Amino acid sequence: MSGCSSDDRVPGYVFINAQDCLRSLPHLAAECESAYETSKQQAATYGPRYRNEDDCEVDFGDGACTTDSTYYYVLDDDRKRITTRTVLHAQPRMDAFVARPLFEGSRTLASEPLLQFRNKGKRGYYTVDGMPVKASTSGRVHDAGAFGSRFLSVSSNTLSRGGFGYKVAAMSQYANSWSSSRSGSGWSWGG
């Protein structure tokens, strides 16, 4: 049952886009494209939202955010008329994604979007919920077992200026205490 192991020490890699993944994993071309597209969809669905682009750029840098609108319908008090309301928000663009085999020996990739946080002296890749991703200079993530299989929730909260920094601080503290208590060995990608 080694293929069904839940070992968090499964290695993965940080990729900028599908082509970057394909260069590293040429035998997984379709899987690279699928992992990239899935991550883009997850970033749009689960990524942090801000009231405006300026607030978003405080956390993620100039030009790193996009604006979008959400439409919803409201039934008026006398329940006779439905009106459409529009809410504008800004979100950071996905900068990269982390991909790993679904399980040891698998050709299916599990993936998760990454954002590049650039505020409060903290730089680097973070998940959409603020967990830091520690990758080597080659992009290898040694403890990638949880990425791509974690439950991500859609937040109804709109962050204010610098709001993602609070998430990063909280998740960094949690991740440091969690990872310091773990040990184990990894394996290599098959070809």
N, C-alpha and C. Protein backbone atom coordinates (compact mmCIF):
# COMPACT_ATOMS: atom_id res chain seq x y z
N MET A 1 0.82 -1.20 0.00
CA MET A 1 0.00 0.00 0.00
C MET A 1 0.86 1.26 0.00
N SER A 2 2.10 1.18 -0.42
CA SER A 2 2.94 2.37 -0.40
C SER A 2 2.41 3.46 -1.33
N GLY A 3 1.67 3.10 -2.37
CA GLY A 3 1.10 4.09 -3.27
C GLY A 3 0.01 4.93 -2.63
N CYS A 4 -0.57 4.46 -1.54
CA CYS A 4 -1.65 5.19 -0.87
C CYS A 4 -1.16 5.91 0.38
N SER A 5 0.13 6.04 0.52
CA SER A 5 0.69 6.69 1.68
C SER A 5 0.27 8.15 1.75
N SER A 6 0.09 8.65 2.95
CA SER A 6 -0.25 10.07 3.12
C SER A 6 0.98 10.85 3.59
N ASP A 7 2.16 10.39 3.20
CA ASP A 7 3.40 11.03 3.62
C ASP A 7 3.49 12.45 3.09
N ASP A 8 3.63 13.41 3.98
CA ASP A 8 3.73 14.81 3.59
C ASP A 8 5.09 15.15 2.99
N ARG A 9 6.04 14.23 3.02
CA ARG A 9 7.38 14.48 2.50
C ARG A 9 7.48 14.22 1.00
N VAL A 10 6.38 14.02 0.33
CA VAL A 10 6.38 13.83 -1.12
C VAL A 10 6.93 15.10 -1.76
N PRO A 11 7.93 14.98 -2.64
CA PRO A 11 8.47 16.19 -3.26
C PRO A 11 7.57 16.70 -4.39
N GLY A 12 7.67 17.97 -4.62
CA GLY A 12 6.97 18.62 -5.72
C GLY A 12 7.85 19.72 -6.25
N TYR A 13 7.33 20.48 -7.20
CA TYR A 13 8.10 21.57 -7.78
C TYR A 13 7.22 22.79 -7.99
N VAL A 14 7.84 23.95 -7.91
CA VAL A 14 7.17 25.20 -8.23
C VAL A 14 7.41 25.48 -9.71
N PHE A 15 6.32 25.72 -10.43
CA PHE A 15 6.41 26.04 -11.86
C PHE A 15 5.73 27.38 -12.11
N ILE A 16 6.25 28.15 -13.06
CA ILE A 16 5.69 29.45 -13.40
C ILE A 16 4.46 29.29 -14.29
N ASN A 17 4.50 28.32 -15.20
CA ASN A 17 3.39 28.09 -16.13
C ASN A 17 3.46 26.65 -16.64
N ALA A 18 2.56 26.28 -17.54
CA ALA A 18 2.52 24.92 -18.05
C ALA A 18 3.80 24.57 -18.82
N GLN A 19 4.36 25.52 -19.57
CA GLN A 19 5.58 25.26 -20.33
C GLN A 19 6.77 24.98 -19.41
N ASP A 20 6.83 25.69 -18.28
CA ASP A 20 7.88 25.46 -17.29
C ASP A 20 7.77 24.03 -16.75
N CYS A 21 6.55 23.60 -16.46
CA CYS A 21 6.29 22.24 -15.99
C CYS A 21 6.71 21.23 -17.06
N LEU A 22 6.32 21.50 -18.29
CA LEU A 22 6.63 20.59 -19.40
C LEU A 22 8.13 20.43 -19.61
N ARG A 23 8.91 21.51 -19.44
CA ARG A 23 10.37 21.41 -19.58
C ARG A 23 10.95 20.45 -18.54
N SER A 24 10.40 20.48 -17.33
CA SER A 24 10.90 19.62 -16.26
C SER A 24 10.32 18.21 -16.33
N LEU A 25 9.10 18.10 -16.82
CA LEU A 25 8.40 16.80 -16.84
C LEU A 25 7.84 16.52 -18.24
N PRO A 26 8.72 16.35 -19.25
CA PRO A 26 8.23 16.20 -20.62
C PRO A 26 7.32 14.98 -20.82
N HIS A 27 7.43 13.99 -19.99
CA HIS A 27 6.60 12.79 -20.11
C HIS A 27 5.20 13.01 -19.52
N LEU A 28 4.94 14.19 -18.96
CA LEU A 28 3.64 14.50 -18.35
C LEU A 28 3.01 15.75 -18.97
N ALA A 29 3.06 15.85 -20.30
CA ALA A 29 2.60 17.07 -20.99
C ALA A 29 1.15 17.41 -20.68
N ALA A 30 0.24 16.48 -20.84
CA ALA A 30 -1.18 16.75 -20.59
C ALA A 30 -1.42 17.07 -19.11
N GLU A 31 -0.71 16.38 -18.25
CA GLU A 31 -0.86 16.59 -16.81
C GLU A 31 -0.37 17.98 -16.40
N CYS A 32 0.71 18.45 -17.03
CA CYS A 32 1.23 19.80 -16.75
C CYS A 32 0.20 20.86 -17.13
N GLU A 33 -0.40 20.71 -18.31
CA GLU A 33 -1.40 21.67 -18.76
C GLU A 33 -2.62 21.65 -17.84
N SER A 34 -3.06 20.46 -17.46
CA SER A 34 -4.21 20.33 -16.57
C SER A 34 -3.92 20.93 -15.19
N ALA A 35 -2.73 20.67 -14.65
CA ALA A 35 -2.36 21.21 -13.33
C ALA A 35 -2.32 22.73 -13.36
N TYR A 36 -1.80 23.29 -14.45
CA TYR A 36 -1.74 24.75 -14.59
C TYR A 36 -3.15 25.35 -14.66
N GLU A 37 -4.01 24.78 -15.50
CA GLU A 37 -5.37 25.30 -15.66
C GLU A 37 -6.17 25.16 -14.36
N THR A 38 -6.02 24.03 -13.69
CA THR A 38 -6.71 23.82 -12.40
C THR A 38 -6.26 24.85 -11.38
N SER A 39 -4.96 25.12 -11.34
CA SER A 39 -4.42 26.11 -10.40
C SER A 39 -4.94 27.50 -10.70
N LYS A 40 -5.02 27.87 -11.99
CA LYS A 40 -5.57 29.19 -12.36
C LYS A 40 -7.01 29.32 -11.89
N GLN A 41 -7.80 28.28 -12.07
CA GLN A 41 -9.20 28.31 -11.63
C GLN A 41 -9.29 28.42 -10.11
N GLN A 42 -8.43 27.68 -9.40
CA GLN A 42 -8.43 27.74 -7.94
C GLN A 42 -8.02 29.13 -7.45
N ALA A 43 -7.04 29.74 -8.11
CA ALA A 43 -6.61 31.08 -7.71
C ALA A 43 -7.75 32.07 -7.84
N ALA A 44 -8.51 31.98 -8.93
CA ALA A 44 -9.64 32.90 -9.13
C ALA A 44 -10.75 32.64 -8.13
N THR A 45 -10.97 31.39 -7.78
CA THR A 45 -12.06 31.04 -6.86
C THR A 45 -11.69 31.27 -5.40
N TYR A 46 -10.50 30.86 -5.00
CA TYR A 46 -10.13 30.87 -3.59
C TYR A 46 -9.16 31.97 -3.18
N GLY A 47 -8.63 32.71 -4.14
CA GLY A 47 -7.65 33.75 -3.83
C GLY A 47 -8.24 34.89 -3.02
N PRO A 48 -7.37 35.64 -2.35
CA PRO A 48 -7.84 36.77 -1.54
C PRO A 48 -8.46 37.85 -2.42
N ARG A 49 -9.45 38.52 -1.88
CA ARG A 49 -10.14 39.61 -2.58
C ARG A 49 -9.97 40.89 -1.79
N TYR A 50 -9.81 41.97 -2.53
CA TYR A 50 -9.63 43.29 -1.94
C TYR A 50 -10.70 44.23 -2.47
N ARG A 51 -10.92 45.31 -1.74
CA ARG A 51 -11.91 46.30 -2.16
C ARG A 51 -11.52 46.99 -3.46
N ASN A 52 -10.21 47.19 -3.63
CA ASN A 52 -9.74 47.87 -4.83
C ASN A 52 -8.32 47.42 -5.18
N GLU A 53 -7.89 47.80 -6.35
CA GLU A 53 -6.58 47.38 -6.84
C GLU A 53 -5.43 47.95 -6.00
N ASP A 54 -5.57 49.18 -5.53
CA ASP A 54 -4.51 49.79 -4.72
C ASP A 54 -4.25 48.98 -3.45
N ASP A 55 -5.31 48.55 -2.77
CA ASP A 55 -5.14 47.76 -1.55
C ASP A 55 -4.46 46.43 -1.86
N CYS A 56 -4.84 45.81 -2.96
CA CYS A 56 -4.25 44.55 -3.37
C CYS A 56 -2.75 44.72 -3.67
N GLU A 57 -2.41 45.81 -4.36
CA GLU A 57 -1.01 46.03 -4.75
C GLU A 57 -0.10 46.33 -3.57
N VAL A 58 -0.65 46.76 -2.45
CA VAL A 58 0.17 46.94 -1.25
C VAL A 58 0.78 45.60 -0.84
N ASP A 59 0.00 44.53 -0.95
CA ASP A 59 0.49 43.21 -0.57
C ASP A 59 1.25 42.50 -1.67
N PHE A 60 0.90 42.73 -2.94
CA PHE A 60 1.45 41.92 -4.01
C PHE A 60 2.28 42.67 -5.04
N GLY A 61 2.37 43.99 -4.94
CA GLY A 61 3.23 44.75 -5.84
C GLY A 61 2.47 45.41 -6.97
N ASP A 62 3.09 46.44 -7.54
CA ASP A 62 2.49 47.19 -8.65
C ASP A 62 2.24 46.28 -9.84
N GLY A 63 1.03 46.37 -10.39
CA GLY A 63 0.68 45.61 -11.58
C GLY A 63 0.41 44.14 -11.34
N ALA A 64 0.42 43.67 -10.09
CA ALA A 64 0.24 42.25 -9.80
C ALA A 64 -1.20 41.86 -9.56
N CYS A 65 -2.13 42.80 -9.66
CA CYS A 65 -3.53 42.51 -9.34
C CYS A 65 -4.44 42.84 -10.52
N THR A 66 -5.57 42.19 -10.54
CA THR A 66 -6.59 42.44 -11.55
C THR A 66 -7.90 42.78 -10.85
N THR A 67 -8.76 43.48 -11.55
CA THR A 67 -10.08 43.77 -10.99
C THR A 67 -11.12 42.94 -11.71
N ASP A 68 -12.15 42.60 -10.98
CA ASP A 68 -13.22 41.79 -11.52
C ASP A 68 -14.51 42.21 -10.82
N SER A 69 -15.62 41.77 -11.35
CA SER A 69 -16.88 42.09 -10.70
C SER A 69 -17.69 40.82 -10.50
N THR A 70 -18.45 40.80 -9.44
CA THR A 70 -19.33 39.70 -9.12
C THR A 70 -20.75 40.22 -9.15
N TYR A 71 -21.62 39.50 -9.78
CA TYR A 71 -23.01 39.91 -9.87
C TYR A 71 -23.85 38.99 -8.99
N TYR A 72 -24.82 39.56 -8.33
CA TYR A 72 -25.76 38.74 -7.59
C TYR A 72 -27.12 39.41 -7.63
N TYR A 73 -28.14 38.62 -7.35
CA TYR A 73 -29.51 39.09 -7.44
C TYR A 73 -30.11 39.22 -6.05
N VAL A 74 -30.89 40.28 -5.87
CA VAL A 74 -31.51 40.56 -4.58
C VAL A 74 -33.01 40.72 -4.80
N LEU A 75 -33.77 40.03 -3.96
CA LEU A 75 -35.23 40.17 -3.99
C LEU A 75 -35.59 41.31 -3.04
N ASP A 76 -36.34 42.29 -3.53
CA ASP A 76 -36.66 43.45 -2.69
C ASP A 76 -37.57 43.05 -1.52
N ASP A 77 -37.77 43.98 -0.59
CA ASP A 77 -38.49 43.69 0.65
C ASP A 77 -39.91 43.18 0.43
N ASP A 78 -40.58 43.68 -0.58
CA ASP A 78 -41.96 43.21 -0.80
C ASP A 78 -42.01 41.97 -1.70
N ARG A 79 -40.84 41.44 -2.03
CA ARG A 79 -40.69 40.20 -2.80
C ARG A 79 -41.35 40.24 -4.17
N LYS A 80 -41.38 41.42 -4.77
CA LYS A 80 -42.00 41.57 -6.08
C LYS A 80 -40.99 41.84 -7.19
N ARG A 81 -39.80 42.29 -6.81
CA ARG A 81 -38.85 42.68 -7.83
C ARG A 81 -37.46 42.16 -7.48
N ILE A 82 -36.77 41.67 -8.49
CA ILE A 82 -35.39 41.21 -8.33
C ILE A 82 -34.49 42.27 -8.96
N THR A 83 -33.51 42.71 -8.22
CA THR A 83 -32.54 43.66 -8.76
C THR A 83 -31.16 43.02 -8.81
N THR A 84 -30.36 43.50 -9.71
CA THR A 84 -29.00 43.01 -9.86
C THR A 84 -28.06 43.96 -9.15
N ARG A 85 -27.16 43.40 -8.37
CA ARG A 85 -26.14 44.19 -7.69
C ARG A 85 -24.77 43.74 -8.22
N THR A 86 -23.88 44.68 -8.30
CA THR A 86 -22.52 44.39 -8.75
C THR A 86 -21.55 44.76 -7.64
N VAL A 87 -20.62 43.86 -7.38
CA VAL A 87 -19.58 44.13 -6.40
C VAL A 87 -18.24 44.03 -7.12
N LEU A 88 -17.48 45.10 -7.09
CA LEU A 88 -16.15 45.10 -7.69
C LEU A 88 -15.13 44.65 -6.65
N HIS A 89 -14.14 43.90 -7.09
CA HIS A 89 -13.06 43.49 -6.20
C HIS A 89 -11.77 43.33 -7.01
N ALA A 90 -10.67 43.30 -6.30
CA ALA A 90 -9.37 43.09 -6.93
C ALA A 90 -8.76 41.82 -6.33
N GLN A 91 -8.02 41.10 -7.16
CA GLN A 91 -7.34 39.88 -6.73
C GLN A 91 -5.93 39.85 -7.30
N PRO A 92 -4.99 39.25 -6.56
CA PRO A 92 -3.65 39.07 -7.13
C PRO A 92 -3.67 38.01 -8.22
N ARG A 93 -2.82 38.18 -9.21
CA ARG A 93 -2.67 37.17 -10.25
C ARG A 93 -1.89 35.98 -9.68
N MET A 94 -2.18 34.80 -10.20
CA MET A 94 -1.40 33.62 -9.83
C MET A 94 0.00 33.80 -10.42
N ASP A 95 1.04 33.69 -9.58
CA ASP A 95 2.42 33.84 -10.06
C ASP A 95 3.06 32.52 -10.44
N ALA A 96 2.59 31.44 -9.84
CA ALA A 96 3.18 30.13 -10.07
C ALA A 96 2.22 29.09 -9.51
N PHE A 97 2.61 27.84 -9.62
CA PHE A 97 1.84 26.78 -8.99
C PHE A 97 2.79 25.70 -8.52
N VAL A 98 2.40 24.98 -7.49
CA VAL A 98 3.19 23.85 -7.01
C VAL A 98 2.48 22.59 -7.50
N ALA A 99 3.25 21.66 -8.05
CA ALA A 99 2.69 20.40 -8.54
C ALA A 99 3.50 19.25 -7.98
N ARG A 100 2.80 18.18 -7.70
CA ARG A 100 3.43 16.97 -7.18
C ARG A 100 2.63 15.77 -7.66
N PRO A 101 3.25 14.57 -7.64
CA PRO A 101 2.48 13.39 -8.01
C PRO A 101 1.36 13.18 -6.99
N LEU A 102 0.22 12.72 -7.44
CA LEU A 102 -0.91 12.48 -6.56
C LEU A 102 -0.52 11.50 -5.45
N PHE A 103 0.25 10.49 -5.80
CA PHE A 103 0.84 9.55 -4.84
C PHE A 103 2.10 9.00 -5.48
N GLU A 104 2.93 8.33 -4.71
CA GLU A 104 4.20 7.83 -5.23
C GLU A 104 3.97 6.93 -6.43
N GLY A 105 4.65 7.24 -7.53
CA GLY A 105 4.53 6.47 -8.75
C GLY A 105 3.41 6.93 -9.67
N SER A 106 2.60 7.87 -9.24
CA SER A 106 1.47 8.35 -10.03
C SER A 106 1.94 9.26 -11.16
N ARG A 107 1.22 9.20 -12.28
CA ARG A 107 1.47 10.11 -13.39
C ARG A 107 0.49 11.28 -13.35
N THR A 108 -0.41 11.28 -12.38
CA THR A 108 -1.36 12.37 -12.20
C THR A 108 -0.77 13.39 -11.25
N LEU A 109 -0.87 14.66 -11.61
CA LEU A 109 -0.32 15.72 -10.78
C LEU A 109 -1.40 16.39 -9.94
N ALA A 110 -1.13 16.56 -8.67
CA ALA A 110 -1.96 17.39 -7.80
C ALA A 110 -1.30 18.76 -7.81
N SER A 111 -2.08 19.82 -7.81
CA SER A 111 -1.48 21.15 -7.90
C SER A 111 -2.23 22.15 -7.04
N GLU A 112 -1.59 23.27 -6.82
CA GLU A 112 -2.19 24.34 -6.04
C GLU A 112 -1.58 25.67 -6.48
N PRO A 113 -2.40 26.74 -6.59
CA PRO A 113 -1.88 28.03 -7.05
C PRO A 113 -1.00 28.69 -5.99
N LEU A 114 -0.06 29.49 -6.47
CA LEU A 114 0.82 30.24 -5.57
C LEU A 114 0.78 31.73 -5.92
N LEU A 115 0.85 32.54 -4.88
CA LEU A 115 0.90 33.99 -5.02
C LEU A 115 2.26 34.45 -4.51
N GLN A 116 2.76 35.53 -5.08
CA GLN A 116 4.04 36.06 -4.61
C GLN A 116 3.78 37.30 -3.75
N PHE A 117 3.83 37.09 -2.45
CA PHE A 117 3.58 38.14 -1.48
C PHE A 117 4.82 39.03 -1.39
N ARG A 118 4.63 40.35 -1.36
CA ARG A 118 5.77 41.28 -1.39
C ARG A 118 5.62 42.38 -0.35
N ASN A 119 5.14 42.09 0.82
CA ASN A 119 4.89 43.13 1.81
C ASN A 119 5.47 42.74 3.16
N LYS A 120 5.67 43.75 4.01
CA LYS A 120 6.10 43.56 5.40
C LYS A 120 7.39 42.76 5.53
N GLY A 121 8.30 42.93 4.58
CA GLY A 121 9.59 42.25 4.66
C GLY A 121 9.52 40.77 4.32
N LYS A 122 8.36 40.27 4.00
CA LYS A 122 8.21 38.86 3.64
C LYS A 122 8.05 38.78 2.13
N ARG A 123 8.92 38.02 1.51
CA ARG A 123 8.83 37.82 0.07
C ARG A 123 8.85 36.32 -0.18
N GLY A 124 8.24 35.93 -1.25
CA GLY A 124 8.25 34.52 -1.61
C GLY A 124 6.88 34.04 -2.00
N TYR A 125 6.81 32.74 -2.24
CA TYR A 125 5.55 32.14 -2.67
C TYR A 125 4.72 31.70 -1.47
N TYR A 126 3.43 31.95 -1.60
CA TYR A 126 2.46 31.58 -0.57
C TYR A 126 1.23 31.00 -1.25
N THR A 127 0.56 30.09 -0.55
CA THR A 127 -0.70 29.56 -1.05
C THR A 127 -1.75 30.66 -0.95
N VAL A 128 -2.91 30.45 -1.56
CA VAL A 128 -3.96 31.47 -1.54
C VAL A 128 -4.48 31.74 -0.14
N ASP A 129 -4.25 30.81 0.80
CA ASP A 129 -4.68 31.05 2.17
C ASP A 129 -3.53 31.47 3.08
N GLY A 130 -2.37 31.79 2.49
CA GLY A 130 -1.27 32.39 3.24
C GLY A 130 -0.21 31.46 3.76
N MET A 131 -0.21 30.17 3.40
CA MET A 131 0.82 29.25 3.87
C MET A 131 2.08 29.43 3.03
N PRO A 132 3.25 29.59 3.68
CA PRO A 132 4.49 29.75 2.91
C PRO A 132 4.88 28.45 2.23
N VAL A 133 5.49 28.58 1.05
CA VAL A 133 5.97 27.43 0.30
C VAL A 133 7.48 27.56 0.25
N LYS A 134 8.17 26.64 0.87
CA LYS A 134 9.63 26.68 0.92
C LYS A 134 10.19 25.82 -0.20
N ALA A 135 10.74 26.50 -1.20
CA ALA A 135 11.29 25.81 -2.36
C ALA A 135 12.78 26.11 -2.46
N SER A 136 13.54 25.15 -2.98
CA SER A 136 14.97 25.37 -3.22
C SER A 136 15.11 26.28 -4.43
N THR A 137 16.32 26.68 -4.74
CA THR A 137 16.55 27.56 -5.90
C THR A 137 16.17 26.87 -7.20
N SER A 138 16.15 25.54 -7.22
CA SER A 138 15.73 24.80 -8.41
C SER A 138 14.22 24.65 -8.48
N GLY A 139 13.51 25.12 -7.44
CA GLY A 139 12.05 25.03 -7.42
C GLY A 139 11.51 23.80 -6.72
N ARG A 140 12.39 22.97 -6.21
CA ARG A 140 11.95 21.74 -5.53
C ARG A 140 11.36 22.07 -4.16
N VAL A 141 10.21 21.49 -3.88
CA VAL A 141 9.54 21.62 -2.59
C VAL A 141 9.60 20.23 -1.95
N HIS A 142 10.31 20.12 -0.85
CA HIS A 142 10.52 18.80 -0.23
C HIS A 142 9.28 18.28 0.48
N ASP A 143 8.48 19.14 1.05
CA ASP A 143 7.29 18.72 1.81
C ASP A 143 6.02 19.10 1.06
N ALA A 144 5.83 18.55 -0.12
CA ALA A 144 4.71 18.97 -0.98
C ALA A 144 3.48 18.08 -0.83
N GLY A 145 3.52 17.10 0.06
CA GLY A 145 2.43 16.14 0.17
C GLY A 145 1.06 16.74 0.41
N ALA A 146 0.98 17.84 1.11
CA ALA A 146 -0.33 18.44 1.40
C ALA A 146 -0.84 19.31 0.26
N PHE A 147 0.04 19.83 -0.56
CA PHE A 147 -0.39 20.74 -1.62
C PHE A 147 -1.19 20.00 -2.69
N GLY A 148 -2.28 20.61 -3.09
CA GLY A 148 -3.13 20.01 -4.10
C GLY A 148 -4.18 19.08 -3.52
N SER A 149 -4.11 18.83 -2.21
CA SER A 149 -5.12 17.97 -1.59
C SER A 149 -5.74 18.62 -0.36
N ARG A 150 -5.35 19.85 -0.08
CA ARG A 150 -5.91 20.56 1.08
C ARG A 150 -7.28 21.11 0.72
N PHE A 151 -8.13 21.26 1.72
CA PHE A 151 -9.42 21.88 1.51
C PHE A 151 -9.22 23.39 1.47
N LEU A 152 -9.63 24.02 0.39
CA LEU A 152 -9.57 25.47 0.28
C LEU A 152 -11.00 25.99 0.36
N SER A 153 -11.20 27.05 1.10
CA SER A 153 -12.55 27.59 1.22
C SER A 153 -12.63 28.97 0.57
N VAL A 154 -13.80 29.26 0.06
CA VAL A 154 -14.05 30.57 -0.53
C VAL A 154 -14.37 31.51 0.62
N SER A 155 -13.61 32.55 0.73
CA SER A 155 -13.84 33.52 1.80
C SER A 155 -14.81 34.59 1.33
N SER A 156 -15.73 34.91 2.19
CA SER A 156 -16.64 36.01 1.86
C SER A 156 -16.07 37.33 2.34
N ASN A 157 -14.93 37.27 3.03
CA ASN A 157 -14.31 38.49 3.53
C ASN A 157 -13.54 39.20 2.43
N THR A 158 -13.67 40.50 2.40
CA THR A 158 -12.85 41.31 1.52
C THR A 158 -11.73 41.88 2.38
N LEU A 159 -10.49 41.66 1.96
CA LEU A 159 -9.35 42.12 2.74
C LEU A 159 -9.14 43.60 2.56
N SER A 160 -8.65 44.22 3.60
CA SER A 160 -8.27 45.62 3.51
C SER A 160 -6.78 45.70 3.21
N ARG A 161 -6.30 46.89 3.01
CA ARG A 161 -4.88 47.12 2.71
C ARG A 161 -4.00 46.38 3.71
N GLY A 162 -3.08 45.54 3.20
CA GLY A 162 -2.17 44.80 4.06
C GLY A 162 -2.78 43.57 4.71
N GLY A 163 -4.02 43.23 4.37
CA GLY A 163 -4.73 42.14 5.03
C GLY A 163 -4.13 40.76 4.81
N PHE A 164 -3.54 40.51 3.65
CA PHE A 164 -2.94 39.20 3.41
C PHE A 164 -1.74 38.99 4.33
N GLY A 165 -1.08 40.06 4.72
CA GLY A 165 0.06 39.97 5.63
C GLY A 165 -0.30 39.34 6.96
N TYR A 166 -1.49 39.61 7.45
CA TYR A 166 -1.94 38.99 8.70
C TYR A 166 -2.10 37.48 8.53
N LYS A 167 -2.64 37.07 7.38
CA LYS A 167 -2.77 35.65 7.09
C LYS A 167 -1.39 34.99 7.00
N VAL A 168 -0.47 35.67 6.30
CA VAL A 168 0.88 35.14 6.13
C VAL A 168 1.55 34.96 7.48
N ALA A 169 1.45 35.95 8.35
CA ALA A 169 2.07 35.86 9.67
C ALA A 169 1.49 34.69 10.46
N ALA A 170 0.19 34.54 10.43
CA ALA A 170 -0.45 33.45 11.17
C ALA A 170 -0.06 32.09 10.59
N MET A 171 -0.10 31.95 9.27
CA MET A 171 0.23 30.68 8.65
C MET A 171 1.72 30.36 8.77
N SER A 172 2.58 31.38 8.72
CA SER A 172 4.02 31.14 8.86
C SER A 172 4.33 30.58 10.23
N GLN A 173 3.70 31.13 11.24
CA GLN A 173 3.92 30.66 12.61
C GLN A 173 3.45 29.21 12.74
N TYR A 174 2.28 28.90 12.17
CA TYR A 174 1.75 27.53 12.21
C TYR A 174 2.67 26.59 11.43
N ALA A 175 3.07 26.98 10.22
CA ALA A 175 3.89 26.12 9.37
C ALA A 175 5.25 25.85 10.01
N ASN A 176 5.85 26.85 10.65
CA ASN A 176 7.14 26.64 11.29
C ASN A 176 7.04 25.65 12.44
N SER A 177 6.02 25.75 13.25
CA SER A 177 5.88 24.83 14.37
C SER A 177 5.54 23.43 13.87
N TRP A 178 4.76 23.33 12.79
CA TRP A 178 4.39 22.03 12.24
C TRP A 178 5.58 21.35 11.58
N SER A 179 6.33 22.08 10.73
CA SER A 179 7.42 21.45 9.98
C SER A 179 8.59 21.09 10.87
N SER A 180 8.80 21.80 11.97
CA SER A 180 9.93 21.47 12.84
C SER A 180 9.70 20.17 13.59
N SER A 181 8.46 19.71 13.64
CA SER A 181 8.17 18.46 14.34
C SER A 181 8.13 17.27 13.39
N ARG A 182 8.40 17.47 12.08
CA ARG A 182 8.31 16.40 11.08
C ARG A 182 9.70 15.93 10.66
N SER A 183 9.81 14.71 10.27
CA SER A 183 11.03 14.21 9.65
C SER A 183 10.65 13.10 8.69
N GLY A 184 11.54 12.79 7.75
CA GLY A 184 11.23 11.73 6.78
C GLY A 184 12.11 11.84 5.56
N SER A 185 11.88 10.96 4.63
CA SER A 185 12.68 10.96 3.40
C SER A 185 11.77 11.12 2.20
N GLY A 186 12.32 11.49 1.09
CA GLY A 186 11.55 11.70 -0.12
C GLY A 186 11.82 10.64 -1.17
N TRP A 187 11.37 10.84 -2.35
CA TRP A 187 11.59 9.97 -3.48
C TRP A 187 11.72 10.82 -4.71
N SER A 188 12.07 10.24 -5.83
CA SER A 188 12.28 11.03 -7.04
C SER A 188 11.15 10.80 -8.04
N TRP A 189 11.00 11.75 -8.96
CA TRP A 189 9.97 11.64 -10.01
C TRP A 189 10.35 10.51 -10.94
N GLY A 190 9.37 9.76 -11.36
CA GLY A 190 9.60 8.69 -12.35
C GLY A 190 9.59 9.25 -13.76
N GLY A 191 10.12 8.52 -14.70
CA GLY A 191 10.16 9.04 -16.06
C GLY A 191 9.60 8.13 -17.06
